[in-house]
Amino acid sequence: MTGRVDDETAAAVFESTAPPDGERHEGADAVRVAFEAFFATSSPGAFTAEELVVTGDRAILRWRYTWDPAADGHVRRVYVYTVRRGLVAEKLAHVKG
């Protein structure tokens, strides 16, 4: 999510991977709080993009988050984005595992 907020992205949506169906965060401020909480409580790690597919106003990113390379501590995820005027309007997260 960018730092810019306009009428369309102020209503941004992020759905996390919390079981069973994710937690829904609506509005730029709620999305920002959700990400701040994630990074505040997560071990240092690395994000690696594995594949990006873009078509129209949709983007699909398959990626891997590694927090302990020595123990192969990682998770693989897929994000499905909706983009409006070059800004992320919706981000739906899905996880393997």
N, C-alpha and C. Protein backbone atom coordinates (compact mmCIF):
# COMPACT_ATOMS: atom_id res chain seq x y z
N MET A 1 0.85 -1.16 0.00
CA MET A 1 0.00 0.00 0.00
C MET A 1 0.90 1.23 0.00
N THR A 2 0.57 2.19 -0.82
CA THR A 2 1.38 3.39 -0.89
C THR A 2 0.99 4.34 0.23
N GLY A 3 1.77 5.38 0.39
CA GLY A 3 1.45 6.40 1.38
C GLY A 3 0.37 7.35 0.90
N ARG A 4 0.03 7.32 -0.38
CA ARG A 4 -0.99 8.21 -0.92
C ARG A 4 -2.37 7.65 -0.65
N VAL A 5 -3.29 8.51 -0.32
CA VAL A 5 -4.67 8.10 -0.09
C VAL A 5 -5.57 9.05 -0.86
N ASP A 6 -6.51 8.50 -1.62
CA ASP A 6 -7.49 9.32 -2.30
C ASP A 6 -8.87 8.70 -2.06
N ASP A 7 -9.90 9.21 -2.71
CA ASP A 7 -11.25 8.72 -2.47
C ASP A 7 -11.37 7.22 -2.70
N GLU A 8 -10.69 6.70 -3.74
CA GLU A 8 -10.82 5.28 -4.06
C GLU A 8 -10.02 4.40 -3.12
N THR A 9 -8.81 4.82 -2.78
CA THR A 9 -7.97 3.96 -1.95
C THR A 9 -8.18 4.18 -0.46
N ALA A 10 -8.88 5.23 -0.07
CA ALA A 10 -9.19 5.42 1.35
C ALA A 10 -10.05 4.26 1.84
N ALA A 11 -10.76 3.61 0.93
CA ALA A 11 -11.59 2.46 1.26
C ALA A 11 -10.84 1.16 0.98
N ALA A 12 -9.52 1.20 1.00
CA ALA A 12 -8.71 0.01 0.72
C ALA A 12 -9.10 -1.13 1.66
N VAL A 13 -8.89 -2.36 1.16
CA VAL A 13 -9.24 -3.56 1.91
C VAL A 13 -8.03 -4.49 1.94
N PHE A 14 -7.75 -5.07 3.11
CA PHE A 14 -6.74 -6.11 3.24
C PHE A 14 -7.36 -7.26 4.02
N GLU A 15 -7.29 -8.46 3.46
CA GLU A 15 -7.72 -9.67 4.17
C GLU A 15 -6.48 -10.48 4.48
N SER A 16 -6.23 -10.72 5.76
CA SER A 16 -5.05 -11.46 6.20
C SER A 16 -5.26 -12.96 6.00
N THR A 17 -4.27 -13.72 6.43
CA THR A 17 -4.35 -15.19 6.32
C THR A 17 -4.77 -15.84 7.62
N ALA A 18 -5.22 -15.07 8.61
CA ALA A 18 -5.64 -15.66 9.88
C ALA A 18 -6.76 -16.68 9.64
N PRO A 19 -6.66 -17.88 10.25
CA PRO A 19 -7.68 -18.90 10.04
C PRO A 19 -9.02 -18.51 10.65
N PRO A 20 -10.13 -18.99 10.15
CA PRO A 20 -10.21 -19.87 8.99
C PRO A 20 -10.31 -19.12 7.67
N ASP A 21 -10.81 -17.88 7.67
CA ASP A 21 -11.04 -17.16 6.41
C ASP A 21 -10.33 -15.82 6.34
N GLY A 22 -9.42 -15.56 7.24
CA GLY A 22 -8.70 -14.29 7.24
C GLY A 22 -9.45 -13.23 8.03
N GLU A 23 -8.70 -12.21 8.44
CA GLU A 23 -9.30 -11.06 9.10
C GLU A 23 -9.38 -9.93 8.08
N ARG A 24 -10.51 -9.27 8.03
CA ARG A 24 -10.73 -8.21 7.05
C ARG A 24 -10.47 -6.86 7.70
N HIS A 25 -9.65 -6.04 7.05
CA HIS A 25 -9.33 -4.69 7.51
C HIS A 25 -9.77 -3.74 6.40
N GLU A 26 -10.66 -2.81 6.73
CA GLU A 26 -11.21 -1.90 5.74
C GLU A 26 -10.80 -0.47 6.05
N GLY A 27 -10.34 0.24 5.02
CA GLY A 27 -9.91 1.62 5.16
C GLY A 27 -8.40 1.71 5.29
N ALA A 28 -7.83 2.77 4.74
CA ALA A 28 -6.37 2.93 4.72
C ALA A 28 -5.77 2.87 6.12
N ASP A 29 -6.41 3.50 7.09
CA ASP A 29 -5.87 3.50 8.46
C ASP A 29 -5.87 2.10 9.06
N ALA A 30 -6.95 1.34 8.87
CA ALA A 30 -7.04 -0.02 9.41
C ALA A 30 -6.02 -0.94 8.75
N VAL A 31 -5.81 -0.76 7.45
CA VAL A 31 -4.82 -1.58 6.74
C VAL A 31 -3.42 -1.26 7.27
N ARG A 32 -3.12 0.00 7.45
CA ARG A 32 -1.82 0.42 7.97
C ARG A 32 -1.59 -0.18 9.36
N VAL A 33 -2.59 -0.12 10.23
CA VAL A 33 -2.48 -0.67 11.59
C VAL A 33 -2.21 -2.18 11.54
N ALA A 34 -2.89 -2.89 10.64
CA ALA A 34 -2.69 -4.34 10.51
C ALA A 34 -1.26 -4.67 10.12
N PHE A 35 -0.70 -3.91 9.18
CA PHE A 35 0.68 -4.18 8.77
C PHE A 35 1.67 -3.78 9.85
N GLU A 36 1.43 -2.69 10.53
CA GLU A 36 2.32 -2.29 11.62
C GLU A 36 2.34 -3.36 12.70
N ALA A 37 1.18 -3.93 13.02
CA ALA A 37 1.11 -4.98 14.04
C ALA A 37 1.86 -6.23 13.59
N PHE A 38 1.73 -6.60 12.32
CA PHE A 38 2.43 -7.77 11.80
C PHE A 38 3.94 -7.59 11.93
N PHE A 39 4.45 -6.46 11.46
CA PHE A 39 5.90 -6.26 11.48
C PHE A 39 6.43 -6.06 12.90
N ALA A 40 5.63 -5.53 13.81
CA ALA A 40 6.06 -5.34 15.19
C ALA A 40 6.21 -6.66 15.94
N THR A 41 5.46 -7.68 15.52
CA THR A 41 5.48 -8.96 16.24
C THR A 41 6.17 -10.09 15.48
N SER A 42 6.68 -9.80 14.29
CA SER A 42 7.31 -10.83 13.46
C SER A 42 8.82 -10.83 13.62
N SER A 43 9.39 -12.01 13.52
CA SER A 43 10.85 -12.12 13.50
C SER A 43 11.36 -11.47 12.22
N PRO A 44 12.60 -10.98 12.25
CA PRO A 44 13.16 -10.43 11.01
C PRO A 44 13.16 -11.52 9.94
N GLY A 45 12.84 -11.15 8.75
CA GLY A 45 12.76 -12.12 7.68
C GLY A 45 12.99 -11.48 6.33
N ALA A 46 12.81 -12.29 5.31
CA ALA A 46 13.04 -11.82 3.94
C ALA A 46 11.88 -12.27 3.06
N PHE A 47 11.41 -11.36 2.23
CA PHE A 47 10.38 -11.66 1.25
C PHE A 47 11.04 -11.92 -0.09
N THR A 48 10.63 -12.99 -0.77
CA THR A 48 11.14 -13.31 -2.10
C THR A 48 9.97 -13.50 -3.04
N ALA A 49 9.89 -12.67 -4.08
CA ALA A 49 8.84 -12.83 -5.08
C ALA A 49 9.17 -14.05 -5.94
N GLU A 50 8.20 -14.92 -6.15
CA GLU A 50 8.40 -16.10 -6.99
C GLU A 50 7.75 -15.94 -8.36
N GLU A 51 6.62 -15.22 -8.40
CA GLU A 51 5.93 -15.02 -9.69
C GLU A 51 4.95 -13.86 -9.55
N LEU A 52 4.85 -13.05 -10.59
CA LEU A 52 3.90 -11.94 -10.62
C LEU A 52 3.15 -12.01 -11.94
N VAL A 53 1.82 -12.01 -11.86
CA VAL A 53 0.97 -12.01 -13.06
C VAL A 53 0.05 -10.80 -12.95
N VAL A 54 0.01 -9.97 -13.99
CA VAL A 54 -0.82 -8.77 -14.01
C VAL A 54 -1.73 -8.83 -15.23
N THR A 55 -3.02 -8.59 -15.00
CA THR A 55 -3.97 -8.54 -16.09
C THR A 55 -5.06 -7.54 -15.74
N GLY A 56 -5.18 -6.50 -16.54
CA GLY A 56 -6.18 -5.47 -16.26
C GLY A 56 -5.94 -4.84 -14.91
N ASP A 57 -6.98 -4.81 -14.06
CA ASP A 57 -6.86 -4.19 -12.74
C ASP A 57 -6.53 -5.21 -11.66
N ARG A 58 -6.08 -6.41 -12.06
CA ARG A 58 -5.74 -7.47 -11.11
C ARG A 58 -4.26 -7.82 -11.21
N ALA A 59 -3.69 -8.15 -10.06
CA ALA A 59 -2.32 -8.65 -10.00
C ALA A 59 -2.30 -9.81 -9.02
N ILE A 60 -1.53 -10.83 -9.35
CA ILE A 60 -1.38 -12.00 -8.48
C ILE A 60 0.11 -12.17 -8.22
N LEU A 61 0.48 -12.16 -6.94
CA LEU A 61 1.87 -12.31 -6.55
C LEU A 61 2.02 -13.57 -5.72
N ARG A 62 2.86 -14.48 -6.18
CA ARG A 62 3.21 -15.68 -5.41
C ARG A 62 4.57 -15.41 -4.80
N TRP A 63 4.69 -15.57 -3.46
CA TRP A 63 5.93 -15.21 -2.80
C TRP A 63 6.21 -16.09 -1.61
N ARG A 64 7.41 -15.94 -1.07
CA ARG A 64 7.89 -16.74 0.06
C ARG A 64 8.44 -15.79 1.12
N TYR A 65 8.08 -16.05 2.38
CA TYR A 65 8.61 -15.29 3.52
C TYR A 65 9.45 -16.24 4.34
N THR A 66 10.75 -15.95 4.47
CA THR A 66 11.68 -16.80 5.22
C THR A 66 12.14 -16.05 6.47
N TRP A 67 11.97 -16.70 7.63
CA TRP A 67 12.40 -16.06 8.88
C TRP A 67 13.56 -16.79 9.53
N ASP A 68 13.84 -18.04 9.15
CA ASP A 68 14.97 -18.78 9.71
C ASP A 68 15.54 -19.70 8.65
N PRO A 69 16.45 -19.19 7.81
CA PRO A 69 17.00 -20.01 6.73
C PRO A 69 17.69 -21.28 7.22
N ALA A 70 18.34 -21.24 8.39
CA ALA A 70 19.06 -22.42 8.90
C ALA A 70 18.10 -23.57 9.19
N ALA A 71 16.89 -23.27 9.65
CA ALA A 71 15.92 -24.31 9.98
C ALA A 71 14.84 -24.44 8.90
N ASP A 72 15.06 -23.79 7.77
CA ASP A 72 14.09 -23.77 6.68
C ASP A 72 12.73 -23.23 7.15
N GLY A 73 12.78 -22.24 8.04
CA GLY A 73 11.56 -21.61 8.54
C GLY A 73 11.01 -20.65 7.50
N HIS A 74 9.92 -21.05 6.87
CA HIS A 74 9.33 -20.20 5.84
C HIS A 74 7.85 -20.52 5.65
N VAL A 75 7.20 -19.65 4.92
CA VAL A 75 5.82 -19.86 4.50
C VAL A 75 5.70 -19.32 3.07
N ARG A 76 4.85 -19.96 2.28
CA ARG A 76 4.60 -19.48 0.92
C ARG A 76 3.19 -18.94 0.87
N ARG A 77 3.04 -17.81 0.19
CA ARG A 77 1.74 -17.13 0.14
C ARG A 77 1.43 -16.65 -1.27
N VAL A 78 0.17 -16.34 -1.45
CA VAL A 78 -0.30 -15.73 -2.70
C VAL A 78 -1.13 -14.51 -2.32
N TYR A 79 -0.86 -13.40 -2.96
CA TYR A 79 -1.66 -12.19 -2.79
C TYR A 79 -2.41 -11.93 -4.08
N VAL A 80 -3.67 -11.58 -3.96
CA VAL A 80 -4.48 -11.17 -5.10
C VAL A 80 -4.83 -9.71 -4.88
N TYR A 81 -4.38 -8.86 -5.79
CA TYR A 81 -4.56 -7.42 -5.66
C TYR A 81 -5.60 -6.90 -6.64
N THR A 82 -6.33 -5.87 -6.25
CA THR A 82 -7.11 -5.05 -7.15
C THR A 82 -6.45 -3.68 -7.15
N VAL A 83 -6.19 -3.15 -8.33
CA VAL A 83 -5.50 -1.88 -8.47
C VAL A 83 -6.44 -0.87 -9.12
N ARG A 84 -6.48 0.33 -8.56
CA ARG A 84 -7.26 1.42 -9.15
C ARG A 84 -6.37 2.63 -9.32
N ARG A 85 -6.26 3.12 -10.53
CA ARG A 85 -5.44 4.29 -10.86
C ARG A 85 -4.02 4.16 -10.32
N GLY A 86 -3.45 2.96 -10.44
CA GLY A 86 -2.08 2.73 -10.04
C GLY A 86 -1.86 2.52 -8.56
N LEU A 87 -2.93 2.45 -7.76
CA LEU A 87 -2.83 2.26 -6.32
C LEU A 87 -3.52 0.98 -5.90
N VAL A 88 -3.00 0.31 -4.89
CA VAL A 88 -3.62 -0.91 -4.38
C VAL A 88 -4.91 -0.53 -3.66
N ALA A 89 -6.02 -1.09 -4.13
CA ALA A 89 -7.32 -0.84 -3.51
C ALA A 89 -7.76 -2.02 -2.65
N GLU A 90 -7.29 -3.23 -3.01
CA GLU A 90 -7.68 -4.43 -2.27
C GLU A 90 -6.54 -5.43 -2.34
N LYS A 91 -6.28 -6.11 -1.22
CA LYS A 91 -5.23 -7.12 -1.16
C LYS A 91 -5.79 -8.30 -0.38
N LEU A 92 -5.92 -9.43 -1.03
CA LEU A 92 -6.43 -10.66 -0.41
C LEU A 92 -5.26 -11.63 -0.27
N ALA A 93 -5.00 -12.11 0.93
CA ALA A 93 -3.86 -12.97 1.21
C ALA A 93 -4.31 -14.41 1.36
N HIS A 94 -3.53 -15.32 0.77
CA HIS A 94 -3.78 -16.76 0.89
C HIS A 94 -2.43 -17.42 1.22
N VAL A 95 -2.46 -18.48 2.05
CA VAL A 95 -1.24 -19.11 2.51
C VAL A 95 -1.30 -20.63 2.35
N LYS A 96 -0.15 -21.23 2.09
CA LYS A 96 -0.03 -22.69 2.09
C LYS A 96 0.45 -23.09 3.48
N GLY A 97 -0.06 -24.18 3.95
CA GLY A 97 0.50 -24.68 5.20
C GLY A 97 -0.45 -24.84 6.32
